[in-house]
């Protein structure tokens, strides 16, 4: 049994996995997530500071939800976060499409099995070479 203290409230709880927060704090965080989601749906042009102030949640938490692909914004929304690799502003996730494609190609190249060397072509018998026969 893995017992930990909650990062938010300090209560002791049985840790199973994920964020090290107790079930009651997880429930509270999920309610805040729903309020942020509803606010963004009702106010699509709001920036991240407005969302943070209106929903009383930290900007870092909103950014974490964006990185986890839990929040996705329209193209005309002013909210964005930088790609972790190149810094281009993106609407959700951790990486932009260009960096995702580059990483995918790199991973595919790394796991691709090397091709077996092709056998040398056999030379035909005959020709002008000298042959020896056993007696």
N, C-alpha and C. Protein backbone atom coordinates (compact mmCIF):
# COMPACT_ATOMS: atom_id res chain seq x y z
N UNK A 1 0.85 -1.17 0.00
CA UNK A 1 0.00 0.00 0.00
C UNK A 1 0.90 1.24 0.00
N UNK A 2 0.64 2.16 -0.91
CA UNK A 2 1.43 3.37 -1.06
C UNK A 2 0.63 4.54 -0.48
N UNK A 3 1.08 5.06 0.66
CA UNK A 3 0.38 6.14 1.34
C UNK A 3 1.20 7.42 1.17
N UNK A 4 0.50 8.50 0.80
CA UNK A 4 1.16 9.80 0.61
C UNK A 4 0.32 10.91 1.21
N UNK A 5 0.96 12.07 1.33
CA UNK A 5 0.25 13.28 1.72
C UNK A 5 -0.20 14.01 0.46
N UNK A 6 -1.41 14.54 0.50
CA UNK A 6 -1.95 15.29 -0.63
C UNK A 6 -1.15 16.58 -0.80
N UNK A 7 -0.82 16.90 -2.04
CA UNK A 7 -0.07 18.13 -2.33
C UNK A 7 -0.90 19.38 -2.07
N UNK A 8 -2.19 19.28 -2.19
CA UNK A 8 -3.06 20.45 -2.03
C UNK A 8 -3.43 20.70 -0.56
N UNK A 9 -3.96 19.67 0.10
CA UNK A 9 -4.49 19.88 1.45
C UNK A 9 -3.64 19.25 2.55
N UNK A 10 -2.74 18.34 2.19
CA UNK A 10 -1.87 17.72 3.18
C UNK A 10 -2.42 16.47 3.84
N UNK A 11 -3.67 16.08 3.52
CA UNK A 11 -4.25 14.88 4.12
C UNK A 11 -3.51 13.63 3.61
N UNK A 12 -3.50 12.61 4.43
CA UNK A 12 -2.89 11.33 4.04
C UNK A 12 -3.94 10.55 3.25
N UNK A 13 -3.49 9.92 2.15
CA UNK A 13 -4.42 9.13 1.33
C UNK A 13 -3.67 7.98 0.68
N UNK A 14 -4.40 6.99 0.21
CA UNK A 14 -3.82 5.84 -0.47
C UNK A 14 -3.56 6.23 -1.92
N UNK A 15 -2.30 6.36 -2.29
CA UNK A 15 -1.92 6.80 -3.64
C UNK A 15 -1.96 5.61 -4.60
N UNK A 16 -2.72 5.79 -5.69
CA UNK A 16 -2.84 4.75 -6.70
C UNK A 16 -2.04 5.10 -7.94
N UNK A 17 -2.11 6.34 -8.36
CA UNK A 17 -1.38 6.79 -9.55
C UNK A 17 -1.87 8.17 -9.96
N UNK A 18 -1.18 8.76 -10.93
CA UNK A 18 -1.56 10.08 -11.39
C UNK A 18 -1.00 11.16 -10.49
N UNK A 19 -1.72 12.26 -10.41
CA UNK A 19 -1.27 13.36 -9.56
C UNK A 19 -1.36 12.96 -8.09
N UNK A 20 -0.38 13.38 -7.29
CA UNK A 20 -0.41 13.01 -5.86
C UNK A 20 -1.33 13.91 -5.04
N UNK A 21 -2.63 13.85 -5.38
CA UNK A 21 -3.62 14.60 -4.60
C UNK A 21 -4.73 13.63 -4.18
N UNK A 22 -5.35 13.94 -3.06
CA UNK A 22 -6.38 13.05 -2.49
C UNK A 22 -7.65 13.07 -3.35
N UNK A 23 -8.51 12.07 -3.16
CA UNK A 23 -9.75 12.01 -3.95
C UNK A 23 -10.64 13.24 -3.83
N UNK A 24 -10.74 13.84 -2.64
CA UNK A 24 -11.60 15.02 -2.51
C UNK A 24 -11.02 16.21 -3.27
N UNK A 25 -9.69 16.36 -3.27
CA UNK A 25 -9.06 17.44 -4.04
C UNK A 25 -9.17 17.17 -5.55
N UNK A 26 -9.11 15.89 -5.95
CA UNK A 26 -9.29 15.55 -7.36
C UNK A 26 -10.69 15.94 -7.82
N UNK A 27 -11.67 15.66 -6.97
CA UNK A 27 -13.06 15.99 -7.29
C UNK A 27 -13.22 17.51 -7.42
N UNK A 28 -12.61 18.24 -6.49
CA UNK A 28 -12.67 19.70 -6.53
C UNK A 28 -12.00 20.23 -7.80
N UNK A 29 -10.86 19.62 -8.17
CA UNK A 29 -10.13 20.04 -9.38
C UNK A 29 -10.97 19.75 -10.63
N UNK A 30 -11.68 18.64 -10.63
CA UNK A 30 -12.53 18.30 -11.77
C UNK A 30 -13.68 19.29 -11.91
N UNK A 31 -14.23 19.74 -10.79
CA UNK A 31 -15.29 20.75 -10.83
C UNK A 31 -14.75 22.06 -11.39
N UNK A 32 -13.54 22.44 -11.00
CA UNK A 32 -12.92 23.65 -11.54
C UNK A 32 -12.66 23.51 -13.04
N UNK A 33 -12.24 22.31 -13.44
CA UNK A 33 -12.02 22.07 -14.86
C UNK A 33 -13.31 22.28 -15.65
N UNK A 34 -14.41 21.76 -15.14
CA UNK A 34 -15.69 21.92 -15.82
C UNK A 34 -16.09 23.40 -15.88
N UNK A 35 -15.82 24.15 -14.82
CA UNK A 35 -16.16 25.57 -14.84
C UNK A 35 -15.29 26.32 -15.86
N UNK A 36 -14.01 25.95 -15.96
CA UNK A 36 -13.13 26.57 -16.96
C UNK A 36 -13.62 26.23 -18.36
N UNK A 37 -13.96 24.98 -18.57
CA UNK A 37 -14.46 24.53 -19.88
C UNK A 37 -15.73 25.28 -20.27
N UNK A 38 -16.65 25.43 -19.33
CA UNK A 38 -17.90 26.16 -19.60
C UNK A 38 -17.62 27.63 -19.88
N UNK A 39 -16.71 28.23 -19.12
CA UNK A 39 -16.39 29.65 -19.32
C UNK A 39 -15.79 29.86 -20.71
N UNK A 40 -14.90 28.97 -21.11
CA UNK A 40 -14.27 29.09 -22.44
C UNK A 40 -15.31 28.92 -23.54
N UNK A 41 -16.25 28.01 -23.34
CA UNK A 41 -17.31 27.81 -24.33
C UNK A 41 -18.17 29.06 -24.46
N UNK A 42 -18.47 29.71 -23.33
CA UNK A 42 -19.30 30.90 -23.34
C UNK A 42 -18.54 32.15 -23.76
N UNK A 43 -17.22 32.17 -23.57
CA UNK A 43 -16.38 33.34 -23.88
C UNK A 43 -15.17 32.90 -24.71
N UNK A 44 -15.37 32.56 -25.98
CA UNK A 44 -14.28 32.01 -26.79
C UNK A 44 -13.14 33.00 -27.05
N UNK A 45 -13.36 34.29 -26.91
CA UNK A 45 -12.30 35.28 -27.17
C UNK A 45 -11.54 35.69 -25.91
N UNK A 46 -11.85 35.08 -24.78
CA UNK A 46 -11.17 35.42 -23.52
C UNK A 46 -9.74 34.91 -23.54
N UNK A 47 -8.83 35.70 -22.94
CA UNK A 47 -7.44 35.24 -22.88
C UNK A 47 -7.24 34.45 -21.58
N UNK A 48 -6.06 33.86 -21.45
CA UNK A 48 -5.81 32.94 -20.34
C UNK A 48 -5.88 33.64 -18.98
N UNK A 49 -5.50 34.90 -18.93
CA UNK A 49 -5.56 35.68 -17.68
C UNK A 49 -7.01 35.89 -17.26
N UNK A 50 -7.88 36.22 -18.21
CA UNK A 50 -9.31 36.40 -17.90
C UNK A 50 -9.91 35.09 -17.39
N UNK A 51 -9.59 33.99 -18.06
CA UNK A 51 -10.12 32.69 -17.65
C UNK A 51 -9.66 32.38 -16.23
N UNK A 52 -8.38 32.63 -15.96
CA UNK A 52 -7.82 32.38 -14.63
C UNK A 52 -8.52 33.21 -13.56
N UNK A 53 -8.71 34.49 -13.84
CA UNK A 53 -9.35 35.38 -12.86
C UNK A 53 -10.81 35.02 -12.62
N UNK A 54 -11.55 34.79 -13.70
CA UNK A 54 -12.99 34.51 -13.58
C UNK A 54 -13.26 33.16 -12.92
N UNK A 55 -12.44 32.18 -13.20
CA UNK A 55 -12.67 30.83 -12.67
C UNK A 55 -11.89 30.56 -11.39
N UNK A 56 -11.09 31.54 -10.97
CA UNK A 56 -10.29 31.42 -9.76
C UNK A 56 -9.42 30.17 -9.76
N UNK A 57 -8.61 30.06 -10.80
CA UNK A 57 -7.68 28.95 -10.95
C UNK A 57 -6.36 29.48 -11.48
N UNK A 58 -5.29 28.81 -11.14
CA UNK A 58 -3.97 29.26 -11.56
C UNK A 58 -3.78 29.08 -13.06
N UNK A 59 -3.02 29.98 -13.65
CA UNK A 59 -2.70 29.90 -15.08
C UNK A 59 -1.94 28.61 -15.37
N UNK A 60 -1.05 28.21 -14.47
CA UNK A 60 -0.27 26.99 -14.66
C UNK A 60 -1.17 25.77 -14.78
N UNK A 61 -2.26 25.74 -14.01
CA UNK A 61 -3.19 24.60 -14.09
C UNK A 61 -3.92 24.59 -15.43
N UNK A 62 -4.30 25.75 -15.91
CA UNK A 62 -4.95 25.83 -17.23
C UNK A 62 -3.98 25.36 -18.30
N UNK A 63 -2.73 25.79 -18.22
CA UNK A 63 -1.72 25.36 -19.19
C UNK A 63 -1.50 23.86 -19.12
N UNK A 64 -1.55 23.28 -17.93
CA UNK A 64 -1.39 21.83 -17.80
C UNK A 64 -2.53 21.11 -18.50
N UNK A 65 -3.76 21.60 -18.34
CA UNK A 65 -4.91 20.98 -19.02
C UNK A 65 -4.78 21.10 -20.53
N UNK A 66 -4.21 22.21 -20.99
CA UNK A 66 -4.00 22.37 -22.43
C UNK A 66 -2.97 21.35 -22.91
N UNK A 67 -1.87 21.19 -22.18
CA UNK A 67 -0.83 20.23 -22.55
C UNK A 67 -1.35 18.79 -22.53
N UNK A 68 -2.29 18.51 -21.63
CA UNK A 68 -2.89 17.17 -21.54
C UNK A 68 -3.96 16.95 -22.60
N UNK A 69 -4.20 17.94 -23.46
CA UNK A 69 -5.25 17.88 -24.49
C UNK A 69 -6.65 17.81 -23.90
N UNK A 70 -6.82 18.27 -22.68
CA UNK A 70 -8.16 18.30 -22.09
C UNK A 70 -8.89 19.56 -22.52
N UNK A 71 -8.15 20.62 -22.80
CA UNK A 71 -8.74 21.87 -23.30
C UNK A 71 -8.19 22.13 -24.69
N UNK A 72 -9.08 22.41 -25.62
CA UNK A 72 -8.69 22.73 -26.99
C UNK A 72 -9.40 24.02 -27.36
N UNK A 73 -8.67 24.90 -28.04
CA UNK A 73 -9.21 26.21 -28.38
C UNK A 73 -9.35 26.37 -29.88
N UNK A 74 -10.26 27.24 -30.28
CA UNK A 74 -10.45 27.51 -31.71
C UNK A 74 -9.27 28.32 -32.23
N UNK A 75 -9.17 28.40 -33.55
CA UNK A 75 -8.05 29.12 -34.17
C UNK A 75 -8.08 30.62 -33.89
N UNK A 76 -9.26 31.18 -33.66
CA UNK A 76 -9.34 32.62 -33.41
C UNK A 76 -9.18 32.98 -31.93
N UNK A 77 -8.97 31.98 -31.08
CA UNK A 77 -8.79 32.23 -29.65
C UNK A 77 -7.39 32.80 -29.38
N UNK A 78 -7.28 33.75 -28.47
CA UNK A 78 -5.96 34.30 -28.14
C UNK A 78 -5.14 33.39 -27.23
N UNK A 79 -5.73 32.31 -26.75
CA UNK A 79 -5.04 31.42 -25.82
C UNK A 79 -4.16 30.45 -26.61
N UNK A 80 -2.93 30.31 -26.19
CA UNK A 80 -2.01 29.37 -26.79
C UNK A 80 -0.86 29.13 -25.85
N UNK A 81 -0.15 28.03 -26.08
CA UNK A 81 1.04 27.72 -25.31
C UNK A 81 2.15 27.39 -26.28
N UNK A 82 3.41 27.57 -25.87
CA UNK A 82 4.50 27.28 -26.80
C UNK A 82 4.77 25.78 -26.93
N UNK A 83 5.13 25.38 -28.15
CA UNK A 83 5.57 24.01 -28.41
C UNK A 83 6.80 23.76 -27.55
N UNK A 84 6.89 22.60 -26.93
CA UNK A 84 8.01 22.30 -26.05
C UNK A 84 9.33 22.13 -26.80
N UNK A 85 9.26 21.93 -28.11
CA UNK A 85 10.48 21.71 -28.87
C UNK A 85 10.95 22.97 -29.59
N UNK A 86 10.05 23.64 -30.32
CA UNK A 86 10.48 24.78 -31.15
C UNK A 86 9.95 26.13 -30.66
N UNK A 87 8.94 26.14 -29.78
CA UNK A 87 8.42 27.39 -29.25
C UNK A 87 7.28 28.01 -30.03
N UNK A 88 6.84 27.40 -31.12
CA UNK A 88 5.71 27.89 -31.89
C UNK A 88 4.45 27.81 -31.03
N UNK A 89 3.59 28.80 -31.14
CA UNK A 89 2.37 28.80 -30.34
C UNK A 89 1.40 27.75 -30.88
N UNK A 90 0.85 26.94 -29.97
CA UNK A 90 -0.09 25.88 -30.33
C UNK A 90 -1.34 26.01 -29.47
N UNK A 91 -2.42 25.37 -29.88
CA UNK A 91 -3.70 25.45 -29.18
C UNK A 91 -3.89 24.34 -28.15
N UNK A 92 -3.23 23.20 -28.35
CA UNK A 92 -3.36 22.10 -27.39
C UNK A 92 -2.20 21.14 -27.57
N UNK A 93 -1.99 20.30 -26.56
CA UNK A 93 -0.93 19.32 -26.62
C UNK A 93 0.41 19.89 -26.18
N UNK A 94 1.48 19.15 -26.52
CA UNK A 94 2.82 19.56 -26.11
C UNK A 94 3.68 20.01 -27.28
N UNK A 95 3.38 19.50 -28.47
CA UNK A 95 4.20 19.79 -29.62
C UNK A 95 3.36 20.24 -30.80
N UNK A 96 3.95 21.06 -31.68
CA UNK A 96 3.26 21.49 -32.90
C UNK A 96 3.26 20.34 -33.90
N UNK A 97 2.46 20.47 -34.96
CA UNK A 97 2.36 19.40 -35.95
C UNK A 97 3.70 19.11 -36.62
N UNK A 98 4.46 20.16 -36.91
CA UNK A 98 5.76 19.98 -37.56
C UNK A 98 6.70 19.14 -36.68
N UNK A 99 6.78 19.47 -35.41
CA UNK A 99 7.65 18.73 -34.49
C UNK A 99 7.15 17.30 -34.28
N UNK A 100 5.82 17.12 -34.23
CA UNK A 100 5.27 15.77 -34.10
C UNK A 100 5.68 14.91 -35.29
N UNK A 101 5.58 15.49 -36.50
CA UNK A 101 5.96 14.74 -37.70
C UNK A 101 7.44 14.40 -37.70
N UNK A 102 8.29 15.35 -37.29
CA UNK A 102 9.73 15.09 -37.23
C UNK A 102 10.04 13.97 -36.24
N UNK A 103 9.40 14.01 -35.07
CA UNK A 103 9.64 12.98 -34.06
C UNK A 103 9.13 11.62 -34.54
N UNK A 104 8.00 11.61 -35.22
CA UNK A 104 7.47 10.35 -35.74
C UNK A 104 8.43 9.74 -36.74
N UNK A 105 8.95 10.57 -37.66
CA UNK A 105 9.93 10.06 -38.62
C UNK A 105 11.17 9.53 -37.91
N UNK A 106 11.64 10.26 -36.91
CA UNK A 106 12.81 9.83 -36.16
C UNK A 106 12.58 8.50 -35.45
N UNK A 107 11.40 8.35 -34.83
CA UNK A 107 11.09 7.11 -34.13
C UNK A 107 10.96 5.96 -35.13
N UNK A 108 10.32 6.22 -36.26
CA UNK A 108 10.17 5.17 -37.27
C UNK A 108 11.52 4.74 -37.81
N UNK A 109 12.43 5.68 -38.02
CA UNK A 109 13.76 5.34 -38.50
C UNK A 109 14.52 4.53 -37.45
N UNK A 110 14.30 4.85 -36.18
CA UNK A 110 15.01 4.16 -35.11
C UNK A 110 14.55 2.71 -34.95
N UNK A 111 13.27 2.46 -35.19
CA UNK A 111 12.76 1.10 -34.99
C UNK A 111 12.73 0.27 -36.28
N UNK A 112 13.02 0.91 -37.39
CA UNK A 112 13.01 0.18 -38.65
C UNK A 112 14.11 -0.87 -38.63
N UNK A 113 13.78 -2.09 -39.04
CA UNK A 113 14.77 -3.17 -39.07
C UNK A 113 15.72 -2.93 -40.23
N UNK A 114 17.01 -3.14 -39.99
CA UNK A 114 17.95 -2.97 -41.10
C UNK A 114 17.68 -4.03 -42.17
N UNK A 115 17.84 -3.62 -43.38
CA UNK A 115 17.61 -4.56 -44.48
C UNK A 115 18.75 -5.57 -44.53
N UNK A 116 18.39 -6.82 -44.80
CA UNK A 116 19.40 -7.88 -44.92
C UNK A 116 20.23 -7.61 -46.18
N UNK A 117 21.55 -7.84 -46.07
CA UNK A 117 22.37 -7.61 -47.26
C UNK A 117 21.96 -8.57 -48.38
N UNK A 118 21.95 -8.04 -49.57
CA UNK A 118 21.56 -8.85 -50.71
C UNK A 118 22.71 -9.79 -51.07
N UNK A 119 22.40 -11.05 -51.34
CA UNK A 119 23.47 -11.99 -51.69
C UNK A 119 24.10 -11.58 -53.03
N UNK A 120 25.40 -11.81 -53.12
CA UNK A 120 26.10 -11.46 -54.36
C UNK A 120 25.59 -12.37 -55.47
N UNK A 121 25.46 -11.83 -56.66
CA UNK A 121 24.97 -12.67 -57.76
C UNK A 121 25.97 -13.78 -58.06
N UNK A 122 25.43 -14.99 -58.31
CA UNK A 122 26.29 -16.13 -58.61
C UNK A 122 26.83 -15.99 -60.03
N UNK A 123 28.08 -16.33 -60.15
CA UNK A 123 28.71 -16.26 -61.46
C UNK A 123 28.44 -17.57 -62.19
N UNK A 124 28.22 -17.44 -63.43
CA UNK A 124 27.92 -18.63 -64.23
C UNK A 124 29.19 -19.45 -64.46
N UNK A 125 29.01 -20.77 -64.52
CA UNK A 125 30.14 -21.68 -64.78
C UNK A 125 30.57 -21.52 -66.24
N UNK A 126 31.79 -21.81 -66.48
CA UNK A 126 32.30 -21.68 -67.85
C UNK A 126 33.17 -20.46 -67.95
N UNK A 127 33.37 -20.03 -69.12
CA UNK A 127 34.18 -18.85 -69.32
C UNK A 127 35.63 -19.23 -69.61
N UNK A 128 36.51 -18.34 -69.49
CA UNK A 128 37.89 -18.57 -69.89
C UNK A 128 38.80 -18.90 -68.72
N UNK A 129 38.25 -19.32 -67.58
CA UNK A 129 39.11 -19.64 -66.46
C UNK A 129 39.59 -21.07 -66.55
N UNK A 130 40.75 -21.36 -65.97
CA UNK A 130 41.34 -22.67 -65.98
C UNK A 130 40.68 -23.53 -64.91
N UNK A 131 40.37 -24.79 -65.19
CA UNK A 131 39.73 -25.71 -64.27
C UNK A 131 40.65 -26.89 -64.01
N UNK A 132 40.60 -27.41 -62.76
CA UNK A 132 41.38 -28.59 -62.40
C UNK A 132 40.43 -29.69 -62.00
N UNK A 133 40.73 -30.91 -62.45
CA UNK A 133 39.91 -32.07 -62.12
C UNK A 133 40.73 -33.01 -61.25
N UNK A 134 40.09 -33.56 -60.24
CA UNK A 134 40.77 -34.55 -59.41
C UNK A 134 40.83 -35.87 -60.15
N UNK A 135 41.97 -36.58 -60.01
CA UNK A 135 42.13 -37.87 -60.70
C UNK A 135 41.78 -39.00 -59.83
